[in-house]
Amino acid sequence: MQPRLANPANLLPEAMQALMSLGAAAKQENGVPALTLNLVYLRCSQINGCSVCVDMHARTLRQIGETDERLIAVGAWRDAPYFTPAERAALAFAEAATRLADRPDPVPDDVWNEAALYYDEKALACLTLNVAVINLWNRLNVPTRQIAGQWLKSEEAKKWKPDLAASTH
């Protein structure tokens, strides 16, 4: 498999800088644990079929101490006993906000209200922005057929360490 094009953000350095700044701002002092955000990134990327981000965030989760049981079960989180109520609320919100066209009320009140039980206004803003950012990365990677694991070979990846405060890219 070959990519159709280099990642568009890599071809337009100003865009990459803006995306990185947005990602960094979205996770500052936010009230959503890094582990939860990375579970959200993984789940959104699974839904969108972004192999680059599935690969990256599964690796990040493992590096920050996530268990195999939970990693394996992210795609079936509703039926797996491994997730906290707050994580379930974040995953439900992330799924709804990723699948906007799947139902007339994309993010129904019950999904929002469940998330609001565990996350205050600032944390909900963080969660919303982080779902948007990972979906943006997915939408850059999937149409251009970016290759999972290729980023590991880059100079940036050689210097990369998982950000315990969270990481979108």
Protein backbone atom coordinates (compact mmCIF):
# COMPACT_ATOMS: atom_id res chain seq x y z
CA MET A 1 0.00 0.00 0.00
CA GLN A 2 1.23 3.46 -0.86
CA PRO A 3 -0.10 6.78 0.37
CA ARG A 4 -1.83 8.88 -2.26
CA LEU A 5 -0.13 11.98 -0.94
CA ALA A 6 1.98 12.96 2.02
CA ASN A 7 -0.18 14.02 4.93
CA PRO A 8 -1.59 17.40 3.87
CA ALA A 9 -0.56 18.97 7.19
CA ASN A 10 3.04 17.94 6.50
CA LEU A 11 2.90 19.60 3.08
CA LEU A 12 1.58 22.84 4.54
CA PRO A 13 3.76 23.68 7.56
CA GLU A 14 1.46 26.51 8.68
CA ALA A 15 -1.43 24.05 8.81
CA MET A 16 0.63 21.60 10.86
CA GLN A 17 1.58 24.37 13.27
CA ALA A 18 -2.07 25.38 13.63
CA LEU A 19 -3.19 21.77 14.17
CA MET A 20 -0.50 21.16 16.76
CA SER A 21 -1.42 24.40 18.55
CA LEU A 22 -5.11 23.46 18.55
CA GLY A 23 -4.30 20.00 19.87
CA ALA A 24 -2.12 21.43 22.63
CA ALA A 25 -4.72 24.04 23.62
CA ALA A 26 -7.50 21.44 23.69
CA LYS A 27 -5.79 19.39 26.36
CA GLN A 28 -4.50 22.13 28.70
CA GLU A 29 -5.73 21.90 32.31
CA ASN A 30 -8.85 20.22 31.11
CA GLY A 31 -10.28 17.87 33.71
CA VAL A 32 -10.26 14.86 31.39
CA PRO A 33 -7.59 12.28 32.26
CA ALA A 34 -4.96 11.57 29.60
CA LEU A 35 -5.92 7.91 29.63
CA THR A 36 -9.54 8.78 28.87
CA LEU A 37 -8.59 11.14 26.05
CA ASN A 38 -6.39 8.49 24.48
CA LEU A 39 -9.23 5.94 24.72
CA VAL A 40 -11.42 8.51 22.94
CA TYR A 41 -8.77 9.03 20.23
CA LEU A 42 -8.52 5.29 19.72
CA ARG A 43 -12.29 4.79 19.53
CA CYS A 44 -12.88 7.68 17.12
CA SER A 45 -10.05 6.41 14.94
CA GLN A 46 -11.53 2.89 14.94
CA ILE A 47 -14.88 4.29 13.82
CA ASN A 48 -13.25 6.32 11.06
CA GLY A 49 -10.99 3.49 9.93
CA CYS A 50 -7.81 5.52 10.46
CA SER A 51 -5.09 2.89 10.79
CA VAL A 52 -2.42 5.54 11.48
CA CYS A 53 -4.27 6.89 14.50
CA VAL A 54 -5.41 3.46 15.73
CA ASP A 55 -1.78 2.37 15.65
CA MET A 56 -0.49 5.57 17.26
CA HIS A 57 -3.01 5.76 20.08
CA ALA A 58 -2.91 2.06 20.90
CA ARG A 59 0.86 2.46 21.25
CA THR A 60 0.45 5.59 23.36
CA LEU A 61 -2.07 3.86 25.61
CA ARG A 62 0.25 0.91 26.10
CA GLN A 63 3.19 3.25 26.88
CA ILE A 64 1.19 5.10 29.52
CA GLY A 65 0.23 1.83 31.19
CA GLU A 66 -3.04 0.72 29.61
CA THR A 67 -3.84 -2.98 29.96
CA ASP A 68 -4.28 -5.40 27.07
CA GLU A 69 -7.80 -6.22 28.26
CA ARG A 70 -8.92 -2.62 27.93
CA LEU A 71 -7.06 -1.99 24.67
CA ILE A 72 -8.63 -5.04 23.08
CA ALA A 73 -12.10 -4.11 24.34
CA VAL A 74 -12.24 -0.44 23.32
CA GLY A 75 -14.34 -1.26 20.25
CA ALA A 76 -16.81 -3.15 22.46
CA TRP A 77 -16.67 -0.90 25.52
CA ARG A 78 -20.43 -1.12 26.14
CA ASP A 79 -20.21 -4.85 26.78
CA ALA A 80 -16.83 -5.00 28.51
CA PRO A 81 -16.49 -4.67 32.29
CA TYR A 82 -13.19 -2.81 32.12
CA PHE A 83 -14.29 0.82 31.83
CA THR A 84 -15.35 3.29 34.49
CA PRO A 85 -18.67 5.14 34.25
CA ALA A 86 -16.79 8.35 33.39
CA GLU A 87 -14.85 6.61 30.61
CA ARG A 88 -18.08 5.11 29.27
CA ALA A 89 -19.68 8.55 29.21
CA ALA A 90 -16.67 9.98 27.33
CA LEU A 91 -16.67 7.08 24.84
CA ALA A 92 -20.43 7.41 24.23
CA PHE A 93 -20.02 11.14 23.65
CA ALA A 94 -17.04 10.58 21.34
CA GLU A 95 -18.94 8.01 19.28
CA ALA A 96 -21.98 10.26 18.93
CA ALA A 97 -19.89 13.31 18.03
CA THR A 98 -17.96 11.26 15.47
CA ARG A 99 -21.04 9.71 13.83
CA LEU A 100 -22.93 12.95 13.29
CA ALA A 101 -24.90 11.77 10.25
CA ASP A 102 -26.05 8.46 11.77
CA ARG A 103 -29.20 9.78 13.47
CA PRO A 104 -31.48 12.83 13.49
CA ASP A 105 -30.19 14.00 16.89
CA PRO A 106 -26.46 13.28 16.58
CA VAL A 107 -25.59 13.87 20.23
CA PRO A 108 -28.80 13.15 22.12
CA ASP A 109 -29.51 14.71 25.49
CA ASP A 110 -29.03 11.40 27.32
CA VAL A 111 -25.47 11.11 25.95
CA TRP A 112 -24.68 14.74 26.76
CA ASN A 113 -26.25 14.55 30.22
CA GLU A 114 -24.35 11.38 31.08
CA ALA A 115 -21.08 13.05 30.12
CA ALA A 116 -22.07 16.13 32.15
CA LEU A 117 -22.38 13.93 35.25
CA TYR A 118 -18.64 13.26 35.14
CA TYR A 119 -17.20 16.30 33.40
CA ASP A 120 -17.69 19.98 34.19
CA GLU A 121 -18.14 22.65 31.52
CA LYS A 122 -14.40 23.08 30.92
CA ALA A 123 -13.87 19.32 30.67
CA LEU A 124 -16.82 19.00 28.26
CA ALA A 125 -15.24 21.74 26.13
CA CYS A 126 -11.98 19.79 26.24
CA LEU A 127 -13.69 16.55 25.30
CA THR A 128 -15.56 18.23 22.44
CA LEU A 129 -12.42 19.88 21.06
CA ASN A 130 -10.39 16.69 21.36
CA VAL A 131 -13.04 14.66 19.53
CA ALA A 132 -13.02 17.30 16.79
CA VAL A 133 -9.21 17.28 16.57
CA ILE A 134 -8.88 13.49 16.32
CA ASN A 135 -11.65 13.41 13.72
CA LEU A 136 -9.75 16.06 11.77
CA TRP A 137 -6.57 13.97 11.87
CA ASN A 138 -8.57 10.93 10.77
CA ARG A 139 -10.00 12.93 7.87
CA LEU A 140 -6.51 13.92 6.76
CA ASN A 141 -5.08 10.41 7.02
CA VAL A 142 -7.85 8.24 5.57
CA PRO A 143 -8.47 9.92 2.17
CA THR A 144 -4.75 10.21 1.51
CA ARG A 145 -4.19 6.60 2.61
CA GLN A 146 -1.52 7.26 5.17
CA ILE A 147 0.25 4.09 6.26
CA ALA A 148 0.09 2.83 9.84
CA GLY A 149 3.53 2.65 11.38
CA GLN A 150 5.20 4.92 8.81
CA TRP A 151 5.23 7.79 11.28
CA LEU A 152 7.45 5.65 13.53
CA LYS A 153 10.22 5.99 10.95
CA SER A 154 10.13 9.80 10.91
CA GLU A 155 12.63 12.02 12.70
CA GLU A 156 9.79 13.41 14.83
CA ALA A 157 8.81 9.93 15.97
CA LYS A 158 12.36 9.11 16.99
CA LYS A 159 12.16 12.02 19.44
CA TRP A 160 8.54 11.33 20.41
CA LYS A 161 7.57 10.42 23.94
CA PRO A 162 3.93 9.98 24.92
CA ASP A 163 2.54 13.09 26.55
CA LEU A 164 1.04 11.99 29.84
CA ALA A 165 -1.27 15.00 29.64
CA ALA A 166 -2.66 13.46 26.40
CA SER A 167 -1.67 13.37 22.80
CA THR A 168 -3.60 13.88 19.61
CA HIS A 169 -0.42 13.75 17.49
